[in-house]
Amino acid sequence: MRPADRLLPAAPGSIRMSPASVVRALDQMLRQRGMTRVYGAACTVFGVISVSPGLTVWTNGRLLLWHFNGVPDAYPAADVEAAAERLATLATSAADLHTSRDGER
């Protein structure tokens, strides 16, 4: 390894954090964005967070993975703030869709 290589930042998603620390950080950031019914659990290998009905996030400590309306998405766990922003937007749009469907009955 050249000395200069040690000074370069790691590529996003290449550093593994504990799934529990990722779950805690994402939970806190979602709550800061007004999400009140956030539930999470983690072990040493995986973590899972229920953001809203139909929106569940899995993490291995490197990536945050989810499907929304059948479309997969992923963010590096190191970029949990951007993931929280995206997830809050998705959860809000899902809640709006659910509310409009209930109103049509």
C-alpha atoms as a PDB file:
ATOM      1  CA  MET A   1       0.000   0.000   0.000  1.00  0.00           C
ATOM      2  CA  ARG A   2       1.314   3.412  -0.910  1.00  0.00           C
ATOM      3  CA  PRO A   3       1.280   6.017   1.909  1.00  0.00           C
ATOM      4  CA  ALA A   4      -1.140   8.252  -0.032  1.00  0.00           C
ATOM      5  CA  ASP A   5      -3.672   5.376  -0.316  1.00  0.00           C
ATOM      6  CA  ARG A   6      -4.240   5.452   3.445  1.00  0.00           C
ATOM      7  CA  LEU A   7      -5.467   9.041   3.197  1.00  0.00           C
ATOM      8  CA  LEU A   8      -8.238   8.329   0.690  1.00  0.00           C
ATOM      9  CA  PRO A   9     -11.742   7.946   2.123  1.00  0.00           C
ATOM     10  CA  ALA A  10     -13.371   4.553   1.815  1.00  0.00           C
ATOM     11  CA  ALA A  11     -15.914   4.093  -0.934  1.00  0.00           C
ATOM     12  CA  PRO A  12     -19.533   4.376   0.277  1.00  0.00           C
ATOM     13  CA  GLY A  13     -20.843   1.013   1.374  1.00  0.00           C
ATOM     14  CA  SER A  14     -17.391  -0.502   1.796  1.00  0.00           C
ATOM     15  CA  ILE A  15     -17.124   0.021   5.558  1.00  0.00           C
ATOM     16  CA  ARG A  16     -19.308  -2.269   7.621  1.00  0.00           C
ATOM     17  CA  MET A  17     -20.937  -0.722  10.655  1.00  0.00           C
ATOM     18  CA  SER A  18     -22.880  -2.798  13.146  1.00  0.00           C
ATOM     19  CA  PRO A  19     -26.458  -3.333  11.970  1.00  0.00           C
ATOM     20  CA  ALA A  20     -27.653  -2.164  15.406  1.00  0.00           C
ATOM     21  CA  SER A  21     -25.882   1.194  15.040  1.00  0.00           C
ATOM     22  CA  VAL A  22     -27.384   1.663  11.569  1.00  0.00           C
ATOM     23  CA  VAL A  23     -30.867   0.818  12.895  1.00  0.00           C
ATOM     24  CA  ARG A  24     -30.471   3.292  15.782  1.00  0.00           C
ATOM     25  CA  ALA A  25     -29.238   6.069  13.491  1.00  0.00           C
ATOM     26  CA  LEU A  26     -31.987   5.530  10.926  1.00  0.00           C
ATOM     27  CA  ASP A  27     -34.645   5.335  13.652  1.00  0.00           C
ATOM     28  CA  GLN A  28     -33.480   8.648  15.113  1.00  0.00           C
ATOM     29  CA  MET A  29     -33.346  10.391  11.730  1.00  0.00           C
ATOM     30  CA  LEU A  30     -36.793   9.142  10.712  1.00  0.00           C
ATOM     31  CA  ARG A  31     -38.258  10.368  14.004  1.00  0.00           C
ATOM     32  CA  GLN A  32     -36.653  13.773  13.393  1.00  0.00           C
ATOM     33  CA  ARG A  33     -38.592  13.821  10.124  1.00  0.00           C
ATOM     34  CA  GLY A  34     -41.914  13.207  11.865  1.00  0.00           C
ATOM     35  CA  MET A  35     -42.156   9.425  11.528  1.00  0.00           C
ATOM     36  CA  THR A  36     -43.612   8.231  14.844  1.00  0.00           C
ATOM     37  CA  ARG A  37     -44.365   4.564  14.239  1.00  0.00           C
ATOM     38  CA  VAL A  38     -40.872   3.308  13.513  1.00  0.00           C
ATOM     39  CA  TYR A  39     -39.919  -0.118  14.843  1.00  0.00           C
ATOM     40  CA  GLY A  40     -36.519  -1.762  14.571  1.00  0.00           C
ATOM     41  CA  ALA A  41     -34.481  -4.737  15.689  1.00  0.00           C
ATOM     42  CA  ALA A  42     -30.986  -5.977  15.001  1.00  0.00           C
ATOM     43  CA  CYS A  43     -28.595  -8.825  15.633  1.00  0.00           C
ATOM     44  CA  THR A  44     -24.912  -9.053  14.758  1.00  0.00           C
ATOM     45  CA  VAL A  45     -25.623  -9.881  11.102  1.00  0.00           C
ATOM     46  CA  PHE A  46     -28.778  -7.981  10.064  1.00  0.00           C
ATOM     47  CA  GLY A  47     -31.053  -5.180  11.156  1.00  0.00           C
ATOM     48  CA  VAL A  48     -34.621  -4.443  10.132  1.00  0.00           C
ATOM     49  CA  ILE A  49     -36.726  -1.312  10.439  1.00  0.00           C
ATOM     50  CA  SER A  50     -40.454  -1.032   9.809  1.00  0.00           C
ATOM     51  CA  VAL A  51     -40.913   2.509   8.519  1.00  0.00           C
ATOM     52  CA  SER A  52     -44.593   2.360   7.549  1.00  0.00           C
ATOM     53  CA  PRO A  53     -47.070  -0.246   6.291  1.00  0.00           C
ATOM     54  CA  GLY A  54     -45.487  -1.755   3.219  1.00  0.00           C
ATOM     55  CA  LEU A  55     -42.066  -0.141   3.741  1.00  0.00           C
ATOM     56  CA  THR A  56     -39.496  -2.235   5.572  1.00  0.00           C
ATOM     57  CA  VAL A  57     -35.751  -1.626   5.440  1.00  0.00           C
ATOM     58  CA  TRP A  58     -33.054  -4.263   5.903  1.00  0.00           C
ATOM     59  CA  THR A  59     -29.390  -3.609   6.629  1.00  0.00           C
ATOM     60  CA  ASN A  60     -26.273  -5.709   6.841  1.00  0.00           C
ATOM     61  CA  GLY A  61     -24.230  -2.769   8.150  1.00  0.00           C
ATOM     62  CA  ARG A  62     -23.032  -1.807   4.678  1.00  0.00           C
ATOM     63  CA  LEU A  63     -26.262  -1.206   2.782  1.00  0.00           C
ATOM     64  CA  LEU A  64     -29.829  -0.170   3.491  1.00  0.00           C
ATOM     65  CA  LEU A  65     -32.170  -2.172   1.243  1.00  0.00           C
ATOM     66  CA  TRP A  66     -35.928  -1.913   0.617  1.00  0.00           C
ATOM     67  CA  HIS A  67     -38.679  -2.358  -1.965  1.00  0.00           C
ATOM     68  CA  PHE A  68     -41.361   0.242  -2.531  1.00  0.00           C
ATOM     69  CA  ASN A  69     -44.236  -0.534  -4.885  1.00  0.00           C
ATOM     70  CA  GLY A  70     -42.222  -3.504  -6.129  1.00  0.00           C
ATOM     71  CA  VAL A  71     -39.169  -1.405  -6.971  1.00  0.00           C
ATOM     72  CA  PRO A  72     -35.945  -2.240  -5.109  1.00  0.00           C
ATOM     73  CA  ASP A  73     -33.728   0.537  -3.803  1.00  0.00           C
ATOM     74  CA  ALA A  74     -30.528   0.733  -1.768  1.00  0.00           C
ATOM     75  CA  TYR A  75     -28.360   3.325  -0.078  1.00  0.00           C
ATOM     76  CA  PRO A  76     -24.971   2.930   1.588  1.00  0.00           C
ATOM     77  CA  ALA A  77     -25.377   2.608   5.355  1.00  0.00           C
ATOM     78  CA  ALA A  78     -22.729   5.329   5.638  1.00  0.00           C
ATOM     79  CA  ASP A  79     -25.246   7.697   3.992  1.00  0.00           C
ATOM     80  CA  VAL A  80     -28.051   7.027   6.462  1.00  0.00           C
ATOM     81  CA  GLU A  81     -29.166  10.665   6.430  1.00  0.00           C
ATOM     82  CA  ALA A  82     -29.926  10.625   2.692  1.00  0.00           C
ATOM     83  CA  ALA A  83     -31.661   7.265   3.110  1.00  0.00           C
ATOM     84  CA  ALA A  84     -33.799   8.669   5.941  1.00  0.00           C
ATOM     85  CA  GLU A  85     -34.840  11.599   3.762  1.00  0.00           C
ATOM     86  CA  ARG A  86     -35.807   9.258   0.910  1.00  0.00           C
ATOM     87  CA  LEU A  87     -37.655   6.861   3.211  1.00  0.00           C
ATOM     88  CA  ALA A  88     -39.603   9.669   4.904  1.00  0.00           C
ATOM     89  CA  THR A  89     -40.694  10.886   1.460  1.00  0.00           C
ATOM     90  CA  LEU A  90     -41.767   7.379   0.424  1.00  0.00           C
ATOM     91  CA  ALA A  91     -43.640   6.774   3.687  1.00  0.00           C
ATOM     92  CA  THR A  92     -45.471  10.085   3.352  1.00  0.00           C
ATOM     93  CA  SER A  93     -46.489   9.359  -0.234  1.00  0.00           C
ATOM     94  CA  ALA A  94     -47.685   5.875   0.775  1.00  0.00           C
ATOM     95  CA  ALA A  95     -49.745   7.364   3.628  1.00  0.00           C
ATOM     96  CA  ASP A  96     -51.274   9.935   1.248  1.00  0.00           C
ATOM     97  CA  LEU A  97     -52.164   7.174  -1.208  1.00  0.00           C
ATOM     98  CA  HIS A  98     -53.702   5.060   1.568  1.00  0.00           C
ATOM     99  CA  THR A  99     -55.728   8.041   2.851  1.00  0.00           C
ATOM    100  CA  SER A 100     -57.073   8.855  -0.617  1.00  0.00           C
ATOM    101  CA  ARG A 101     -58.112   5.231  -1.149  1.00  0.00           C
ATOM    102  CA  ASP A 102     -59.934   5.172   2.203  1.00  0.00           C
ATOM    103  CA  GLY A 103     -61.787   8.348   1.230  1.00  0.00           C
ATOM    104  CA  GLU A 104     -63.059   6.757  -1.991  1.00  0.00           C
ATOM    105  CA  ARG A 105     -64.939   3.955  -0.210  1.00  0.00           C
END
